């Protein structure tokens, strides 16, 4: 018989362990540290695209998220 991997189904602990180990190794690597330092860096053009996409999404929203914090001193 062949050695087929055991199907652990939902909640696959082996896959979870492998993912966590690979993530930890990446974060601790030199490349990972560089990526972390530049994670929020966006150009002004990218920032405009992000704001535009956010505004389009808000226009299409049927209702506001009840968890959203609103500033009642501002009027729409």
C-alpha atoms as a PDB file:
ATOM      1  CA  UNK A   1       0.000   0.000   0.000  1.00  0.00           C
ATOM      2  CA  UNK A   2       1.081   3.564  -0.721  1.00  0.00           C
ATOM      3  CA  UNK A   3       1.632   6.158   1.913  1.00  0.00           C
ATOM      4  CA  UNK A   4      -1.225   8.572   1.404  1.00  0.00           C
ATOM      5  CA  UNK A   5      -1.391  11.472   3.833  1.00  0.00           C
ATOM      6  CA  UNK A   6      -3.940  11.092   6.587  1.00  0.00           C
ATOM      7  CA  UNK A   7      -7.000  13.260   6.024  1.00  0.00           C
ATOM      8  CA  UNK A   8      -7.364  15.252   9.213  1.00  0.00           C
ATOM      9  CA  UNK A   9     -10.405  17.068   7.896  1.00  0.00           C
ATOM     10  CA  UNK A  10     -11.514  20.364   9.343  1.00  0.00           C
ATOM     11  CA  UNK A  11      -9.117  21.699  11.939  1.00  0.00           C
ATOM     12  CA  UNK A  12      -6.071  20.046  10.349  1.00  0.00           C
ATOM     13  CA  UNK A  13      -3.499  20.344  13.135  1.00  0.00           C
ATOM     14  CA  UNK A  14      -0.552  19.375  10.951  1.00  0.00           C
ATOM     15  CA  UNK A  15      -1.317  22.069   8.376  1.00  0.00           C
ATOM     16  CA  UNK A  16      -1.841  24.604  11.174  1.00  0.00           C
ATOM     17  CA  UNK A  17       1.491  23.724  12.782  1.00  0.00           C
ATOM     18  CA  UNK A  18       3.297  23.942   9.416  1.00  0.00           C
ATOM     19  CA  UNK A  19       1.691  27.309   8.618  1.00  0.00           C
ATOM     20  CA  UNK A  20       2.536  28.776  12.015  1.00  0.00           C
ATOM     21  CA  UNK A  21       6.142  27.570  11.803  1.00  0.00           C
ATOM     22  CA  UNK A  22       6.598  28.971   8.282  1.00  0.00           C
ATOM     23  CA  UNK A  23       5.053  32.291   9.347  1.00  0.00           C
ATOM     24  CA  UNK A  24       7.272  32.514  12.431  1.00  0.00           C
ATOM     25  CA  UNK A  25      10.366  31.753  10.321  1.00  0.00           C
ATOM     26  CA  UNK A  26       9.424  34.419   7.783  1.00  0.00           C
ATOM     27  CA  UNK A  27       8.739  37.091  10.413  1.00  0.00           C
ATOM     28  CA  UNK A  28      12.089  36.378  12.070  1.00  0.00           C
ATOM     29  CA  UNK A  29      13.984  36.439   8.752  1.00  0.00           C
ATOM     30  CA  UNK A  30      15.778  39.508   7.392  1.00  0.00           C
ATOM     31  CA  UNK A  31      13.335  39.743   4.474  1.00  0.00           C
ATOM     32  CA  UNK A  32      10.389  39.456   6.861  1.00  0.00           C
ATOM     33  CA  UNK A  33      11.717  42.282   9.024  1.00  0.00           C
ATOM     34  CA  UNK A  34      12.128  44.494   5.936  1.00  0.00           C
ATOM     35  CA  UNK A  35       8.576  43.727   4.804  1.00  0.00           C
ATOM     36  CA  UNK A  36       7.222  44.555   8.273  1.00  0.00           C
ATOM     37  CA  UNK A  37       9.004  47.924   8.301  1.00  0.00           C
ATOM     38  CA  UNK A  38       7.481  48.876   4.934  1.00  0.00           C
ATOM     39  CA  UNK A  39       4.051  47.308   5.439  1.00  0.00           C
ATOM     40  CA  UNK A  40       2.087  50.569   5.525  1.00  0.00           C
ATOM     41  CA  UNK A  41       4.040  52.455   2.898  1.00  0.00           C
ATOM     42  CA  UNK A  42       1.880  53.573  -0.022  1.00  0.00           C
ATOM     43  CA  UNK A  43       2.423  56.230  -2.646  1.00  0.00           C
ATOM     44  CA  UNK A  44       0.093  59.222  -2.817  1.00  0.00           C
ATOM     45  CA  UNK A  45      -1.414  57.710  -5.978  1.00  0.00           C
ATOM     46  CA  UNK A  46      -2.120  54.420  -4.186  1.00  0.00           C
ATOM     47  CA  UNK A  47      -3.626  56.308  -1.260  1.00  0.00           C
ATOM     48  CA  UNK A  48      -6.009  58.122  -3.630  1.00  0.00           C
ATOM     49  CA  UNK A  49      -7.038  54.786  -5.146  1.00  0.00           C
ATOM     50  CA  UNK A  50      -7.675  53.363  -1.684  1.00  0.00           C
ATOM     51  CA  UNK A  51      -9.784  56.374  -0.651  1.00  0.00           C
ATOM     52  CA  UNK A  52     -11.726  56.241  -3.922  1.00  0.00           C
ATOM     53  CA  UNK A  53     -12.472  52.534  -3.491  1.00  0.00           C
ATOM     54  CA  UNK A  54     -13.514  53.113   0.117  1.00  0.00           C
ATOM     55  CA  UNK A  55     -15.882  55.934  -0.890  1.00  0.00           C
ATOM     56  CA  UNK A  56     -17.435  53.812  -3.663  1.00  0.00           C
ATOM     57  CA  UNK A  57     -18.005  50.995  -1.203  1.00  0.00           C
ATOM     58  CA  UNK A  58     -19.616  53.360   1.298  1.00  0.00           C
ATOM     59  CA  UNK A  59     -21.948  54.742  -1.391  1.00  0.00           C
ATOM     60  CA  UNK A  60     -23.126  51.233  -2.207  1.00  0.00           C
ATOM     61  CA  UNK A  61     -23.606  50.173   1.402  1.00  0.00           C
ATOM     62  CA  UNK A  62     -27.234  49.621   2.318  1.00  0.00           C
ATOM     63  CA  UNK A  63     -26.726  50.567   5.932  1.00  0.00           C
ATOM     64  CA  UNK A  64     -23.964  51.634   8.264  1.00  0.00           C
ATOM     65  CA  UNK A  65     -22.086  49.174  10.383  1.00  0.00           C
ATOM     66  CA  UNK A  66     -23.481  49.397  13.920  1.00  0.00           C
ATOM     67  CA  UNK A  67     -19.930  48.992  15.265  1.00  0.00           C
ATOM     68  CA  UNK A  68     -18.816  52.105  13.362  1.00  0.00           C
ATOM     69  CA  UNK A  69     -17.975  54.999  15.645  1.00  0.00           C
ATOM     70  CA  UNK A  70     -19.599  58.181  14.412  1.00  0.00           C
ATOM     71  CA  UNK A  71     -18.712  61.745  15.285  1.00  0.00           C
ATOM     72  CA  UNK A  72     -22.068  63.435  15.887  1.00  0.00           C
ATOM     73  CA  UNK A  73     -20.430  66.881  15.716  1.00  0.00           C
ATOM     74  CA  UNK A  74     -19.949  66.399  11.950  1.00  0.00           C
ATOM     75  CA  UNK A  75     -22.870  66.737   9.629  1.00  0.00           C
ATOM     76  CA  UNK A  76     -23.048  64.860   6.348  1.00  0.00           C
END
